[in-house]
N, C-alpha and C. Protein backbone atom coordinates (compact mmCIF):
# COMPACT_ATOMS: atom_id res chain seq x y z
N UNK A 1 0.80 -1.05 -0.08
CA UNK A 1 -0.01 -0.21 -0.23
C UNK A 1 0.81 1.24 0.02
N UNK A 2 0.48 2.19 -0.73
CA UNK A 2 1.24 3.64 -0.77
C UNK A 2 0.33 4.58 0.07
N UNK A 3 0.58 4.73 1.36
CA UNK A 3 -0.18 5.51 2.19
C UNK A 3 0.73 6.52 2.69
N UNK A 4 0.07 7.61 3.07
CA UNK A 4 0.64 8.83 3.77
C UNK A 4 0.36 8.81 5.21
N UNK A 5 1.44 8.92 6.05
CA UNK A 5 1.04 9.17 7.38
C UNK A 5 0.88 10.67 7.73
N UNK A 6 -0.19 11.07 8.08
CA UNK A 6 -0.46 12.30 8.68
C UNK A 6 -0.59 12.49 10.13
N UNK A 7 0.49 13.24 10.62
CA UNK A 7 0.40 13.28 12.08
C UNK A 7 -0.70 14.42 12.51
N UNK A 8 -1.34 14.19 13.77
CA UNK A 8 -2.43 14.80 14.13
C UNK A 8 -2.31 14.84 15.58
N UNK A 9 -2.12 16.33 16.01
CA UNK A 9 -2.06 16.57 17.30
C UNK A 9 -3.62 16.95 17.99
N UNK A 10 -3.85 16.20 18.95
CA UNK A 10 -5.35 16.29 19.35
C UNK A 10 -5.37 16.81 20.75
N UNK A 11 -6.61 17.25 21.08
CA UNK A 11 -6.80 17.88 22.55
C UNK A 11 -6.09 18.93 22.77
N UNK A 12 -5.82 20.19 21.72
CA UNK A 12 -5.03 21.10 21.75
C UNK A 12 -5.80 22.28 22.70
N UNK A 13 -7.07 22.01 22.98
CA UNK A 13 -7.99 22.64 23.89
C UNK A 13 -7.47 22.63 25.40
N UNK A 14 -6.90 21.77 25.59
CA UNK A 14 -6.53 21.49 27.15
C UNK A 14 -5.49 22.49 27.55
N UNK A 15 -5.63 23.06 28.98
CA UNK A 15 -4.70 24.12 29.22
C UNK A 15 -3.19 23.68 29.30
N UNK A 16 -2.83 22.28 29.50
CA UNK A 16 -1.61 21.59 29.54
C UNK A 16 -1.06 21.40 28.24
N UNK A 17 -1.92 21.51 27.03
CA UNK A 17 -1.50 21.36 25.88
C UNK A 17 -0.08 21.93 25.36
N UNK A 18 0.69 21.33 24.94
CA UNK A 18 2.09 21.89 24.27
C UNK A 18 2.37 21.39 22.84
N UNK A 19 1.55 21.81 21.70
CA UNK A 19 1.56 21.27 20.51
C UNK A 19 2.95 21.40 19.91
N UNK A 20 3.69 22.23 20.05
CA UNK A 20 5.05 22.34 19.64
C UNK A 20 5.82 21.37 20.06
N UNK A 21 5.78 21.27 21.37
CA UNK A 21 6.62 20.21 22.06
C UNK A 21 6.42 18.67 21.54
N UNK A 22 5.12 18.55 21.46
CA UNK A 22 4.51 17.25 20.96
C UNK A 22 5.00 16.96 19.34
N UNK A 23 4.94 18.22 18.51
CA UNK A 23 5.19 17.89 17.11
C UNK A 23 6.97 17.43 17.14
N UNK A 24 7.68 18.02 18.16
CA UNK A 24 9.01 17.88 18.24
C UNK A 24 9.27 16.36 18.64
N UNK A 25 8.62 15.93 19.31
CA UNK A 25 8.50 14.51 19.74
C UNK A 25 8.14 13.36 18.69
N UNK A 26 7.19 13.87 18.02
CA UNK A 26 6.85 12.98 16.76
C UNK A 26 7.92 12.68 15.75
N UNK A 27 8.70 13.97 15.48
CA UNK A 27 9.69 13.87 14.71
C UNK A 27 10.87 13.10 15.16
N UNK A 28 11.17 13.28 16.52
CA UNK A 28 12.19 12.58 17.22
C UNK A 28 12.07 10.86 17.47
N UNK A 29 10.67 10.67 17.72
CA UNK A 29 10.49 9.39 18.12
C UNK A 29 9.97 8.41 16.83
N UNK A 30 9.09 9.09 16.12
CA UNK A 30 8.40 8.58 14.93
C UNK A 30 9.32 8.68 13.74
N UNK A 31 10.21 9.77 13.69
CA UNK A 31 11.04 10.15 12.57
C UNK A 31 10.15 10.58 11.48
N UNK A 32 9.18 11.35 11.47
CA UNK A 32 8.42 11.90 10.42
C UNK A 32 8.35 13.31 10.65
N UNK A 33 8.44 14.23 9.43
CA UNK A 33 8.31 15.74 9.50
C UNK A 33 7.04 15.98 10.14
N UNK A 34 6.78 16.61 11.16
CA UNK A 34 5.56 17.00 12.08
C UNK A 34 5.24 18.57 11.92
N UNK A 35 6.06 19.17 10.71
CA UNK A 35 5.93 20.67 10.75
C UNK A 35 4.48 20.93 10.38
N UNK A 36 3.69 20.30 9.52
CA UNK A 36 2.54 20.47 9.08
C UNK A 36 1.51 19.67 9.81
N UNK A 37 1.86 19.13 10.87
CA UNK A 37 1.08 18.30 11.66
C UNK A 37 -0.51 19.06 11.93
N UNK A 38 -1.34 18.44 11.81
CA UNK A 38 -2.86 18.91 12.02
C UNK A 38 -3.01 18.97 13.43
N UNK A 39 -3.43 20.35 13.90
CA UNK A 39 -3.77 20.56 15.20
C UNK A 39 -5.13 20.79 15.51
N UNK A 40 -5.84 20.02 16.42
CA UNK A 40 -7.24 19.81 16.38
C UNK A 40 -7.64 19.70 17.59
N UNK A 41 -8.88 20.04 17.95
CA UNK A 41 -9.73 19.82 19.06
C UNK A 41 -11.15 19.50 18.94
N UNK A 42 -11.28 18.38 19.15
CA UNK A 42 -12.82 17.71 18.76
C UNK A 42 -13.86 18.35 19.83
N UNK A 43 -13.47 18.72 20.85
CA UNK A 43 -14.29 19.36 21.77
C UNK A 43 -14.90 20.94 21.10
N UNK A 44 -13.88 21.41 20.72
CA UNK A 44 -14.48 22.90 20.20
C UNK A 44 -14.45 22.89 18.62
N UNK A 45 -14.01 21.90 17.87
CA UNK A 45 -14.15 21.83 16.50
C UNK A 45 -13.06 22.65 15.76
N UNK A 46 -12.02 22.95 16.53
CA UNK A 46 -10.80 23.76 15.91
C UNK A 46 -10.02 22.63 15.23
N UNK A 47 -9.79 23.11 13.91
CA UNK A 47 -8.98 22.19 13.11
C UNK A 47 -9.49 20.94 12.63
N UNK A 48 -10.73 20.82 12.86
CA UNK A 48 -11.29 19.48 12.72
C UNK A 48 -12.03 19.60 11.12
N UNK A 49 -12.01 18.48 10.37
CA UNK A 49 -12.68 18.80 9.11
C UNK A 49 -12.45 17.16 8.61
N UNK A 50 -13.45 16.83 7.83
CA UNK A 50 -13.68 15.56 7.33
C UNK A 50 -12.48 15.25 6.20
N UNK A 51 -11.74 14.17 6.31
CA UNK A 51 -10.71 13.99 5.34
C UNK A 51 -10.62 12.56 5.03
N UNK A 52 -11.48 12.26 3.88
CA UNK A 52 -11.72 10.70 3.36
C UNK A 52 -10.35 10.27 2.53
């Protein structure tokens, strides 16, 4: 399969959310570029959209 991994940072609405630090961890641990990681919050619908 020819799939693309799309990093998603969820729960960015939380007071303790640190999306920049988490994006860096994704890059360090998983080894993929997280520069354009989707930042979203299902609670307030920020950054959420359907992606089929």
